[in-house]
Amino acid sequence: MRAALVISERDNVATALEALETGQRLDLAGTTLMVQSPVPRGHKIALRPIRSGEAVIKYGSPIGTAIADIPQGTHVHTHNVASDRGRGDRVPRADAREEPRIAEPPDEATPPPQGNRR
């Protein structure tokens, strides 16, 4: 069984199909890399260096933006990626039907709710 899965040649991460240990050698997508930090099963590993601000590509689609430089062979997760999925404020979607709705600030004349006072 393969240790990690790469779907698209555009991907800069692979998905671990088993827990990956530091020092483990992987041959993925025409690249040989050494695991630099433990990667839990189901999490991502960097196939190449990913610079801060660069898109993280999984299954051929951007899934987030690197918030720190990510060296090849390291764990890619919420500690070094800001997700773009479900965030209309981060990435404009070409297929979006409506503009993202932004809550309006309350009117200055409207008093804040008082709640129950005792």
C-alpha atoms as a PDB file:
ATOM      1  CA  MET A   1       0.000   0.000   0.000  1.00  0.00           C
ATOM      2  CA  ARG A   2       1.140   3.538  -0.741  1.00  0.00           C
ATOM      3  CA  ALA A   3       2.038   5.669   2.268  1.00  0.00           C
ATOM      4  CA  ALA A   4       0.529   8.852   0.796  1.00  0.00           C
ATOM      5  CA  LEU A   5      -1.776   9.881  -2.027  1.00  0.00           C
ATOM      6  CA  VAL A   6      -1.230  12.506  -4.730  1.00  0.00           C
ATOM      7  CA  ILE A   7      -4.168  13.079  -7.084  1.00  0.00           C
ATOM      8  CA  SER A   8      -3.022  15.858  -9.407  1.00  0.00           C
ATOM      9  CA  GLU A   9       0.347  16.850 -10.793  1.00  0.00           C
ATOM     10  CA  ARG A  10      -0.604  20.405  -9.668  1.00  0.00           C
ATOM     11  CA  ASP A  11      -0.635  19.302  -6.011  1.00  0.00           C
ATOM     12  CA  ASN A  12       2.055  20.605  -3.690  1.00  0.00           C
ATOM     13  CA  VAL A  13       0.844  18.372  -0.835  1.00  0.00           C
ATOM     14  CA  ALA A  14       0.040  14.689  -0.494  1.00  0.00           C
ATOM     15  CA  THR A  15      -2.412  13.058   1.908  1.00  0.00           C
ATOM     16  CA  ALA A  16      -0.929  10.546   4.349  1.00  0.00           C
ATOM     17  CA  LEU A  17      -2.681   7.166   4.074  1.00  0.00           C
ATOM     18  CA  GLU A  18      -0.848   6.004   7.191  1.00  0.00           C
ATOM     19  CA  ALA A  19       1.039   7.768   9.968  1.00  0.00           C
ATOM     20  CA  LEU A  20       4.344   9.028   8.558  1.00  0.00           C
ATOM     21  CA  GLU A  21       7.442   9.022  10.756  1.00  0.00           C
ATOM     22  CA  THR A  22      10.421  11.373  10.708  1.00  0.00           C
ATOM     23  CA  GLY A  23      13.140   9.974   8.424  1.00  0.00           C
ATOM     24  CA  GLN A  24      10.748   7.852   6.355  1.00  0.00           C
ATOM     25  CA  ARG A  25      11.504   7.994   2.615  1.00  0.00           C
ATOM     26  CA  LEU A  26       8.616   8.559   0.207  1.00  0.00           C
ATOM     27  CA  ASP A  27       8.526   8.313  -3.583  1.00  0.00           C
ATOM     28  CA  LEU A  28       5.555  10.436  -4.646  1.00  0.00           C
ATOM     29  CA  ALA A  29       4.595  12.127  -7.896  1.00  0.00           C
ATOM     30  CA  GLY A  30       8.059  11.705  -9.361  1.00  0.00           C
ATOM     31  CA  THR A  31       9.685  13.143  -6.242  1.00  0.00           C
ATOM     32  CA  THR A  32      11.636  11.415  -3.500  1.00  0.00           C
ATOM     33  CA  LEU A  33      11.393  13.127  -0.153  1.00  0.00           C
ATOM     34  CA  MET A  34      12.256  12.448   3.454  1.00  0.00           C
ATOM     35  CA  VAL A  35       9.614  12.994   6.101  1.00  0.00           C
ATOM     36  CA  GLN A  36      10.909  15.862   8.259  1.00  0.00           C
ATOM     37  CA  SER A  37       8.244  15.776  10.981  1.00  0.00           C
ATOM     38  CA  PRO A  38       5.577  13.244  11.999  1.00  0.00           C
ATOM     39  CA  VAL A  39       2.395  13.415   9.901  1.00  0.00           C
ATOM     40  CA  PRO A  40      -0.778  11.767  11.241  1.00  0.00           C
ATOM     41  CA  ARG A  41      -2.849   9.557   8.951  1.00  0.00           C
ATOM     42  CA  GLY A  42      -5.218  11.693   6.864  1.00  0.00           C
ATOM     43  CA  HIS A  43      -3.128  14.852   7.215  1.00  0.00           C
ATOM     44  CA  LYS A  44      -1.014  16.484   4.505  1.00  0.00           C
ATOM     45  CA  ILE A  45       2.717  16.520   3.802  1.00  0.00           C
ATOM     46  CA  ALA A  46       4.519  19.096   1.637  1.00  0.00           C
ATOM     47  CA  LEU A  47       5.796  17.616  -1.634  1.00  0.00           C
ATOM     48  CA  ARG A  48       8.042  20.628  -2.179  1.00  0.00           C
ATOM     49  CA  PRO A  49       8.817  23.822  -0.268  1.00  0.00           C
ATOM     50  CA  ILE A  50       5.746  26.068  -0.023  1.00  0.00           C
ATOM     51  CA  ARG A  51       6.433  29.743   0.647  1.00  0.00           C
ATOM     52  CA  SER A  52       4.357  31.851   3.012  1.00  0.00           C
ATOM     53  CA  GLY A  53       1.486  33.394   1.030  1.00  0.00           C
ATOM     54  CA  GLU A  54       1.516  30.640  -1.602  1.00  0.00           C
ATOM     55  CA  ALA A  55      -1.569  28.522  -2.307  1.00  0.00           C
ATOM     56  CA  VAL A  56      -1.663  25.025  -0.855  1.00  0.00           C
ATOM     57  CA  ILE A  57      -2.914  22.735  -3.634  1.00  0.00           C
ATOM     58  CA  LYS A  58      -4.633  19.406  -2.861  1.00  0.00           C
ATOM     59  CA  TYR A  59      -6.539  17.301  -5.403  1.00  0.00           C
ATOM     60  CA  GLY A  60      -5.682  19.936  -8.024  1.00  0.00           C
ATOM     61  CA  SER A  61      -7.463  22.761  -6.183  1.00  0.00           C
ATOM     62  CA  PRO A  62      -6.286  25.447  -3.769  1.00  0.00           C
ATOM     63  CA  ILE A  63      -7.457  24.613  -0.239  1.00  0.00           C
ATOM     64  CA  GLY A  64      -5.725  27.402   1.645  1.00  0.00           C
ATOM     65  CA  THR A  65      -2.800  29.754   1.888  1.00  0.00           C
ATOM     66  CA  ALA A  66       0.482  29.041   3.642  1.00  0.00           C
ATOM     67  CA  ILE A  67       0.849  31.366   6.643  1.00  0.00           C
ATOM     68  CA  ALA A  68       4.494  30.339   7.134  1.00  0.00           C
ATOM     69  CA  ASP A  69       7.198  28.831   4.952  1.00  0.00           C
ATOM     70  CA  ILE A  70       6.602  25.071   4.801  1.00  0.00           C
ATOM     71  CA  PRO A  71       9.679  22.962   4.053  1.00  0.00           C
ATOM     72  CA  GLN A  72       9.420  19.872   1.857  1.00  0.00           C
ATOM     73  CA  GLY A  73       8.532  16.765   3.843  1.00  0.00           C
ATOM     74  CA  THR A  74       6.823  18.551   6.730  1.00  0.00           C
ATOM     75  CA  HIS A  75       3.333  18.348   8.176  1.00  0.00           C
ATOM     76  CA  VAL A  76       0.849  20.721   6.517  1.00  0.00           C
ATOM     77  CA  HIS A  77      -2.120  21.569   8.720  1.00  0.00           C
ATOM     78  CA  THR A  78      -3.851  24.413  10.565  1.00  0.00           C
ATOM     79  CA  HIS A  79      -0.615  25.543  12.234  1.00  0.00           C
ATOM     80  CA  ASN A  80       0.841  26.636   8.893  1.00  0.00           C
ATOM     81  CA  VAL A  81      -2.181  27.016   6.547  1.00  0.00           C
ATOM     82  CA  ALA A  82      -5.180  29.365   6.616  1.00  0.00           C
ATOM     83  CA  SER A  83      -8.142  27.650   5.006  1.00  0.00           C
ATOM     84  CA  ASP A  84      -9.847  29.336   2.072  1.00  0.00           C
ATOM     85  CA  ARG A  85     -12.765  26.896   1.989  1.00  0.00           C
ATOM     86  CA  GLY A  86     -16.049  28.360   3.131  1.00  0.00           C
ATOM     87  CA  ARG A  87     -14.521  31.830   3.458  1.00  0.00           C
ATOM     88  CA  GLY A  88     -16.085  34.184   0.948  1.00  0.00           C
ATOM     89  CA  ASP A  89     -13.986  36.983   2.385  1.00  0.00           C
ATOM     90  CA  ARG A  90     -10.672  35.410   1.292  1.00  0.00           C
ATOM     91  CA  VAL A  91     -11.074  34.156  -2.270  1.00  0.00           C
ATOM     92  CA  PRO A  92     -13.565  35.486  -4.799  1.00  0.00           C
ATOM     93  CA  ARG A  93     -15.350  32.618  -6.496  1.00  0.00           C
ATOM     94  CA  ALA A  94     -16.030  32.803 -10.207  1.00  0.00           C
ATOM     95  CA  ASP A  95     -19.225  30.785  -9.735  1.00  0.00           C
ATOM     96  CA  ALA A  96     -20.548  32.866  -6.823  1.00  0.00           C
ATOM     97  CA  ARG A  97     -24.192  33.857  -7.299  1.00  0.00           C
ATOM     98  CA  GLU A  98     -24.333  36.536  -4.632  1.00  0.00           C
ATOM     99  CA  GLU A  99     -21.916  38.920  -3.010  1.00  0.00           C
ATOM    100  CA  PRO A 100     -20.848  37.793   0.459  1.00  0.00           C
ATOM    101  CA  ARG A 101     -23.148  39.242   3.078  1.00  0.00           C
ATOM    102  CA  ILE A 102     -21.460  41.394   5.674  1.00  0.00           C
ATOM    103  CA  ALA A 103     -23.320  42.231   8.856  1.00  0.00           C
ATOM    104  CA  GLU A 104     -24.117  45.908   9.153  1.00  0.00           C
ATOM    105  CA  PRO A 105     -23.026  47.615  12.371  1.00  0.00           C
ATOM    106  CA  PRO A 106     -25.933  48.496  14.670  1.00  0.00           C
ATOM    107  CA  ASP A 107     -27.421  51.967  14.410  1.00  0.00           C
ATOM    108  CA  GLU A 108     -26.075  54.326  17.046  1.00  0.00           C
ATOM    109  CA  ALA A 109     -29.667  55.203  17.977  1.00  0.00           C
ATOM    110  CA  THR A 110     -30.541  51.574  18.701  1.00  0.00           C
ATOM    111  CA  PRO A 111     -29.814  50.743  22.339  1.00  0.00           C
ATOM    112  CA  PRO A 112     -28.103  47.412  23.013  1.00  0.00           C
ATOM    113  CA  PRO A 113     -30.302  44.585  24.357  1.00  0.00           C
ATOM    114  CA  GLN A 114     -30.772  44.877  28.106  1.00  0.00           C
ATOM    115  CA  GLY A 115     -31.413  41.258  29.006  1.00  0.00           C
ATOM    116  CA  ASN A 116     -33.026  40.276  32.292  1.00  0.00           C
ATOM    117  CA  ARG A 117     -32.174  42.520  35.190  1.00  0.00           C
ATOM    118  CA  ARG A 118     -32.668  41.412  38.750  1.00  0.00           C
END
